[in-house]
Protein backbone atom coordinates (compact mmCIF):
# COMPACT_ATOMS: atom_id res chain seq x y z
CA GLN A 1 39.19 41.60 17.17
CA LEU A 2 38.02 38.03 17.79
CA GLN A 3 37.69 35.70 14.84
CA ALA A 4 35.95 32.37 15.37
CA SER A 5 36.01 29.40 13.06
CA GLY A 6 35.44 25.66 12.96
CA GLY A 7 31.69 25.35 12.91
CA GLY A 8 29.84 23.13 10.48
CA LEU A 9 27.39 20.31 10.01
CA VAL A 10 28.04 17.07 11.84
CA GLN A 11 26.05 13.97 12.68
CA ALA A 12 25.08 13.15 16.24
CA GLY A 13 28.00 11.53 18.02
CA GLY A 14 30.52 13.42 15.95
CA SER A 15 33.12 15.99 16.92
CA LEU A 16 34.14 19.50 16.01
CA ARG A 17 36.83 21.86 17.22
CA LEU A 18 36.17 25.56 17.33
CA SER A 19 38.95 28.13 17.32
CA CYS A 20 38.94 31.80 18.22
CA VAL A 21 41.95 33.99 17.61
CA ALA A 22 42.39 37.44 19.10
CA ARG A 23 43.91 39.22 16.13
CA GLY A 24 45.96 42.28 16.85
CA SER A 25 46.11 41.67 20.57
CA ILE A 26 49.15 41.71 22.80
CA LEU A 27 49.89 38.69 24.92
CA SER A 28 49.39 40.31 28.32
CA THR A 29 45.95 41.54 27.35
CA PHE A 30 44.96 38.17 25.94
CA VAL A 31 45.94 36.17 29.03
CA GLY A 32 44.92 38.62 31.69
CA ASN A 33 41.17 38.50 31.17
CA ASN A 34 38.22 36.17 31.30
CA MET A 35 37.48 34.46 27.99
CA GLY A 36 35.46 31.61 26.65
CA TRP A 37 32.63 30.26 24.59
CA TYR A 38 28.91 30.91 24.63
CA ARG A 39 26.15 29.68 22.36
CA GLN A 40 22.71 30.74 21.24
CA ALA A 41 20.22 28.28 19.87
CA PRO A 42 17.25 29.45 17.79
CA GLY A 43 14.65 31.07 19.98
CA LYS A 44 16.79 30.83 23.09
CA GLN A 45 19.00 33.15 25.07
CA ARG A 46 22.75 33.10 24.80
CA GLU A 47 24.26 30.78 27.37
CA LEU A 48 27.68 30.00 28.77
CA VAL A 49 29.36 26.90 27.37
CA ALA A 50 32.89 27.01 28.79
CA THR A 51 35.12 29.76 30.09
CA PHE A 52 38.57 30.51 31.47
CA SER A 53 38.78 33.04 34.27
CA SER A 54 41.70 35.44 34.35
CA SER A 55 43.27 33.17 36.99
CA GLY A 56 42.85 30.12 34.76
CA THR A 57 39.85 28.56 36.46
CA ILE A 58 37.67 26.68 33.99
CA GLN A 59 33.89 26.56 34.12
CA TYR A 60 31.61 24.36 32.02
CA ALA A 61 27.89 24.32 31.55
CA ASP A 62 26.43 21.18 33.08
CA SER A 63 25.07 20.14 29.70
CA VAL A 64 28.56 19.89 28.15
CA LYS A 65 30.62 18.53 31.03
CA GLY A 66 32.51 15.42 29.99
CA ARG A 67 31.96 16.13 26.28
CA PHE A 68 33.48 19.56 25.64
CA THR A 69 36.98 20.76 26.50
CA ILE A 70 38.17 24.35 26.46
CA SER A 71 41.84 25.07 25.97
CA LYS A 72 44.02 27.89 24.82
CA ASN A 73 47.37 28.61 23.25
CA ASN A 74 48.62 31.86 24.67
CA SER A 75 51.45 32.27 22.17
CA ARG A 76 48.89 32.01 19.35
CA LYS A 77 46.36 34.09 21.27
CA THR A 78 43.78 31.46 20.49
CA VAL A 79 41.14 29.71 22.55
CA TYR A 80 39.69 26.38 21.45
CA LEU A 81 36.59 24.37 22.15
CA GLN A 82 36.82 20.66 21.45
CA MET A 83 33.31 19.25 21.20
CA ASN A 84 32.82 15.49 21.28
CA ASN A 85 29.75 13.29 21.27
CA LEU A 86 27.65 16.09 19.85
CA THR A 87 23.87 15.92 20.05
CA PRO A 88 21.15 17.84 18.19
CA GLY A 89 20.72 19.85 21.39
CA ASP A 90 24.16 21.35 20.78
CA THR A 91 22.97 23.02 17.58
CA ALA A 92 23.57 26.75 17.98
CA VAL A 93 25.67 29.68 16.95
CA TYR A 94 28.81 29.58 19.06
CA TYR A 95 30.45 32.82 20.09
CA CYS A 96 33.83 33.43 21.64
CA GLN A 97 34.09 36.19 24.17
CA HIS A 98 36.95 38.07 25.81
CA ASP A 99 36.58 40.74 28.47
CA THR A 100 38.74 43.20 26.55
CA PHE A 101 37.95 42.32 22.95
CA GLY A 102 34.24 41.64 23.27
CA TRP A 103 32.43 39.11 21.11
CA GLY A 104 33.48 37.23 18.01
CA GLN A 105 31.21 36.98 15.00
CA GLY A 106 29.84 33.54 15.82
CA THR A 107 30.20 30.23 14.08
CA LEU A 108 27.27 27.94 13.38
CA VAL A 109 27.27 24.37 14.63
CA THR A 110 24.53 22.11 13.32
CA VAL A 111 24.16 18.58 14.63
CA SER A 112 21.88 16.26 12.69
CA SER A 113 20.16 13.27 14.23
């Protein structure tokens, strides 16, 4: 089960850090699969934000490169998304995803202008 947290309301230019913990997972399952963050803004389709491949390759959406950083702590079975210099265009529900555990419940990020 994936549990995401860390969303909230922030002013443009601010920062947030999202966390997603894979509760009940074993380490080998956590690290051996693709995982990452996606987001869905109102009226739009869900889109990739940042992901780790099973080999550790990182991919970012062009719109967040240089502002967002994905990281993980394998021992805590947690993946993070550090979001800096947020803009109103980043407002969305953010979901963590893992190839074995599926989708987390989503955490809302609202950026005010």
